[in-house]
Amino acid sequence: MGAKVRFLGLLKDFQPESDADGVWRVPSGKTIQDIVDETGVQGGKWEFVITVNGDSVRRSYALADDDEVIFSTIFLGG
């Protein structure tokens, strides 16, 4: 089963293969840092936030089945 991961907006290019719903499934037990390392998103030029089930988490967070992970850029207004 695993966790569901989405890269939104300007980060979409970092998302590996996805299903018809635009979701990349990763095995439970992987950490957020594993995903960052695997996708190379850290080397990008964008500042971003990562949430799991709507909450901000540390990169050491280990994913569980059915977790929903979102990588999104930070938007600032003026």
N, C-alpha and C. Protein backbone atom coordinates (compact mmCIF):
# COMPACT_ATOMS: atom_id res chain seq x y z
N MET A 1 0.82 -1.17 0.00
CA MET A 1 0.00 0.00 0.00
C MET A 1 0.88 1.25 0.00
N GLY A 2 1.44 1.63 1.12
CA GLY A 2 2.37 2.74 1.18
C GLY A 2 1.72 4.10 1.33
N ALA A 3 2.56 5.12 1.18
CA ALA A 3 2.13 6.51 1.30
C ALA A 3 1.94 7.12 -0.08
N LYS A 4 1.13 8.18 -0.12
CA LYS A 4 0.86 8.88 -1.37
C LYS A 4 1.61 10.21 -1.35
N VAL A 5 2.40 10.46 -2.39
CA VAL A 5 3.23 11.66 -2.44
C VAL A 5 2.86 12.48 -3.68
N ARG A 6 2.73 13.79 -3.48
CA ARG A 6 2.47 14.71 -4.59
C ARG A 6 3.42 15.88 -4.51
N PHE A 7 3.91 16.28 -5.66
CA PHE A 7 4.71 17.49 -5.79
C PHE A 7 3.85 18.50 -6.54
N LEU A 8 3.60 19.65 -5.94
CA LEU A 8 2.69 20.62 -6.52
C LEU A 8 3.42 21.80 -7.15
N GLY A 9 2.73 22.46 -8.06
CA GLY A 9 3.23 23.69 -8.67
C GLY A 9 4.57 23.52 -9.35
N LEU A 10 5.49 24.40 -9.01
CA LEU A 10 6.81 24.42 -9.64
C LEU A 10 7.65 23.20 -9.31
N LEU A 11 7.22 22.40 -8.36
CA LEU A 11 7.98 21.21 -7.97
C LEU A 11 7.55 19.95 -8.72
N LYS A 12 6.54 20.05 -9.57
CA LYS A 12 6.02 18.87 -10.28
C LYS A 12 7.09 18.12 -11.07
N ASP A 13 8.08 18.84 -11.57
CA ASP A 13 9.14 18.19 -12.35
C ASP A 13 9.97 17.22 -11.52
N PHE A 14 9.93 17.33 -10.21
CA PHE A 14 10.70 16.44 -9.35
C PHE A 14 9.97 15.12 -9.06
N GLN A 15 8.68 15.06 -9.36
CA GLN A 15 7.90 13.88 -9.02
C GLN A 15 8.19 12.75 -9.99
N PRO A 16 8.61 11.59 -9.46
CA PRO A 16 8.80 10.42 -10.32
C PRO A 16 7.45 9.93 -10.85
N GLU A 17 7.45 8.75 -11.41
CA GLU A 17 6.24 8.18 -12.00
C GLU A 17 5.06 8.29 -11.05
N SER A 18 3.90 8.51 -11.61
CA SER A 18 2.71 8.63 -10.79
C SER A 18 1.57 7.86 -11.43
N ASP A 19 0.54 7.62 -10.64
CA ASP A 19 -0.63 6.91 -11.16
C ASP A 19 -1.58 7.89 -11.85
N ALA A 20 -2.72 7.41 -12.26
CA ALA A 20 -3.68 8.24 -12.99
C ALA A 20 -4.17 9.44 -12.18
N ASP A 21 -4.08 9.35 -10.86
CA ASP A 21 -4.50 10.45 -9.99
C ASP A 21 -3.37 11.43 -9.70
N GLY A 22 -2.21 11.23 -10.33
CA GLY A 22 -1.08 12.12 -10.11
C GLY A 22 -0.35 11.87 -8.80
N VAL A 23 -0.48 10.66 -8.28
CA VAL A 23 0.12 10.30 -6.99
C VAL A 23 1.28 9.35 -7.21
N TRP A 24 2.39 9.62 -6.54
CA TRP A 24 3.53 8.72 -6.52
C TRP A 24 3.43 7.91 -5.24
N ARG A 25 3.40 6.63 -5.34
CA ARG A 25 3.27 5.78 -4.15
C ARG A 25 4.65 5.31 -3.72
N VAL A 26 4.93 5.47 -2.43
CA VAL A 26 6.21 5.04 -1.87
C VAL A 26 5.93 4.09 -0.70
N PRO A 27 6.83 3.15 -0.47
CA PRO A 27 6.60 2.19 0.62
C PRO A 27 6.62 2.86 2.00
N SER A 28 5.80 2.34 2.89
CA SER A 28 5.85 2.84 4.26
C SER A 28 7.23 2.51 4.82
N GLY A 29 7.66 3.32 5.78
CA GLY A 29 8.99 3.15 6.36
C GLY A 29 10.01 4.11 5.79
N LYS A 30 9.80 4.58 4.55
CA LYS A 30 10.70 5.59 3.99
C LYS A 30 10.53 6.87 4.78
N THR A 31 11.62 7.63 4.87
CA THR A 31 11.53 8.92 5.55
C THR A 31 11.35 10.04 4.52
N ILE A 32 10.96 11.19 5.02
CA ILE A 32 10.87 12.36 4.14
C ILE A 32 12.24 12.64 3.52
N GLN A 33 13.30 12.49 4.31
CA GLN A 33 14.64 12.72 3.78
C GLN A 33 14.97 11.73 2.66
N ASP A 34 14.52 10.49 2.76
CA ASP A 34 14.71 9.51 1.67
C ASP A 34 14.09 10.03 0.38
N ILE A 35 12.90 10.60 0.48
CA ILE A 35 12.22 11.12 -0.71
C ILE A 35 12.98 12.31 -1.27
N VAL A 36 13.42 13.21 -0.40
CA VAL A 36 14.20 14.37 -0.84
C VAL A 36 15.46 13.91 -1.59
N ASP A 37 16.17 12.94 -1.01
CA ASP A 37 17.40 12.44 -1.63
C ASP A 37 17.12 11.75 -2.97
N GLU A 38 16.06 10.95 -3.01
CA GLU A 38 15.73 10.18 -4.21
C GLU A 38 15.30 11.07 -5.37
N THR A 39 14.59 12.14 -5.08
CA THR A 39 14.06 12.99 -6.14
C THR A 39 14.97 14.15 -6.51
N GLY A 40 15.90 14.50 -5.62
CA GLY A 40 16.78 15.63 -5.90
C GLY A 40 16.12 16.97 -5.69
N VAL A 41 14.97 17.00 -5.07
CA VAL A 41 14.25 18.26 -4.88
C VAL A 41 15.07 19.27 -4.07
N GLN A 42 15.92 18.82 -3.18
CA GLN A 42 16.73 19.72 -2.35
C GLN A 42 17.67 20.56 -3.20
N GLY A 43 18.14 20.00 -4.32
CA GLY A 43 19.07 20.74 -5.16
C GLY A 43 18.42 21.78 -6.05
N GLY A 44 17.09 21.87 -5.98
CA GLY A 44 16.37 22.83 -6.81
C GLY A 44 16.52 24.25 -6.30
N LYS A 45 16.04 25.17 -7.08
CA LYS A 45 16.16 26.58 -6.70
C LYS A 45 14.95 27.10 -5.94
N TRP A 46 14.01 26.23 -5.61
CA TRP A 46 12.77 26.67 -4.96
C TRP A 46 12.80 26.38 -3.47
N GLU A 47 12.26 27.31 -2.70
CA GLU A 47 11.99 27.06 -1.28
C GLU A 47 10.66 26.31 -1.23
N PHE A 48 10.58 25.33 -0.35
CA PHE A 48 9.35 24.54 -0.32
C PHE A 48 9.03 24.08 1.09
N VAL A 49 7.78 23.66 1.26
CA VAL A 49 7.32 23.09 2.52
C VAL A 49 6.86 21.67 2.25
N ILE A 50 6.93 20.86 3.30
CA ILE A 50 6.50 19.47 3.20
C ILE A 50 5.49 19.23 4.31
N THR A 51 4.33 18.71 3.93
CA THR A 51 3.34 18.35 4.94
C THR A 51 2.97 16.88 4.78
N VAL A 52 2.61 16.27 5.90
CA VAL A 52 2.10 14.90 5.91
C VAL A 52 0.76 14.95 6.62
N ASN A 53 -0.26 14.56 5.91
CA ASN A 53 -1.63 14.61 6.44
C ASN A 53 -1.99 16.00 6.96
N GLY A 54 -1.47 17.02 6.27
CA GLY A 54 -1.78 18.40 6.59
C GLY A 54 -0.91 19.05 7.66
N ASP A 55 0.01 18.28 8.24
CA ASP A 55 0.87 18.80 9.30
C ASP A 55 2.32 18.87 8.83
N SER A 56 3.03 19.89 9.28
CA SER A 56 4.45 20.01 9.00
C SER A 56 5.19 18.94 9.80
N VAL A 57 6.18 18.30 9.17
CA VAL A 57 6.93 17.22 9.83
C VAL A 57 8.42 17.41 9.63
N ARG A 58 9.20 16.76 10.46
CA ARG A 58 10.65 16.74 10.30
C ARG A 58 11.01 15.77 9.18
N ARG A 59 12.18 15.97 8.62
CA ARG A 59 12.61 15.09 7.53
C ARG A 59 12.90 13.68 7.99
N SER A 60 13.02 13.47 9.28
CA SER A 60 13.25 12.12 9.82
C SER A 60 11.94 11.33 9.96
N TYR A 61 10.81 11.98 9.69
CA TYR A 61 9.51 11.32 9.82
C TYR A 61 9.44 10.10 8.91
N ALA A 62 9.10 8.94 9.48
CA ALA A 62 8.94 7.70 8.71
C ALA A 62 7.48 7.56 8.29
N LEU A 63 7.28 7.36 7.00
CA LEU A 63 5.94 7.30 6.44
C LEU A 63 5.22 6.02 6.82
N ALA A 64 3.91 6.13 6.98
CA ALA A 64 3.04 4.99 7.27
C ALA A 64 2.07 4.81 6.10
N ASP A 65 1.45 3.64 6.04
CA ASP A 65 0.44 3.39 5.02
C ASP A 65 -0.62 4.49 5.06
N ASP A 66 -1.02 4.94 3.89
CA ASP A 66 -2.07 5.94 3.70
C ASP A 66 -1.69 7.35 4.10
N ASP A 67 -0.44 7.61 4.50
CA ASP A 67 -0.02 8.99 4.71
C ASP A 67 -0.12 9.73 3.38
N GLU A 68 -0.48 11.00 3.45
CA GLU A 68 -0.53 11.85 2.26
C GLU A 68 0.52 12.94 2.41
N VAL A 69 1.51 12.91 1.54
CA VAL A 69 2.65 13.82 1.60
C VAL A 69 2.52 14.84 0.47
N ILE A 70 2.68 16.11 0.81
CA ILE A 70 2.62 17.18 -0.18
C ILE A 70 3.91 17.99 -0.11
N PHE A 71 4.56 18.14 -1.27
CA PHE A 71 5.68 19.05 -1.43
C PHE A 71 5.14 20.24 -2.20
N SER A 72 5.23 21.43 -1.64
CA SER A 72 4.74 22.61 -2.35
C SER A 72 5.68 23.80 -2.13
N THR A 73 5.72 24.67 -3.12
CA THR A 73 6.56 25.85 -3.01
C THR A 73 5.95 26.84 -2.04
N ILE A 74 6.79 27.71 -1.52
CA ILE A 74 6.34 28.77 -0.62
C ILE A 74 5.95 29.97 -1.46
N PHE A 75 4.75 30.45 -1.24
CA PHE A 75 4.27 31.61 -1.97
C PHE A 75 4.22 32.80 -1.02
N LEU A 76 4.79 33.89 -1.44
CA LEU A 76 4.80 35.11 -0.63
C LEU A 76 4.03 36.20 -1.35
N GLY A 77 3.29 36.95 -0.62
CA GLY A 77 2.53 38.06 -1.20
C GLY A 77 3.20 39.38 -0.89
N GLY A 78 2.74 40.38 -1.56
CA GLY A 78 3.37 41.68 -1.34
C GLY A 78 2.40 42.81 -1.29
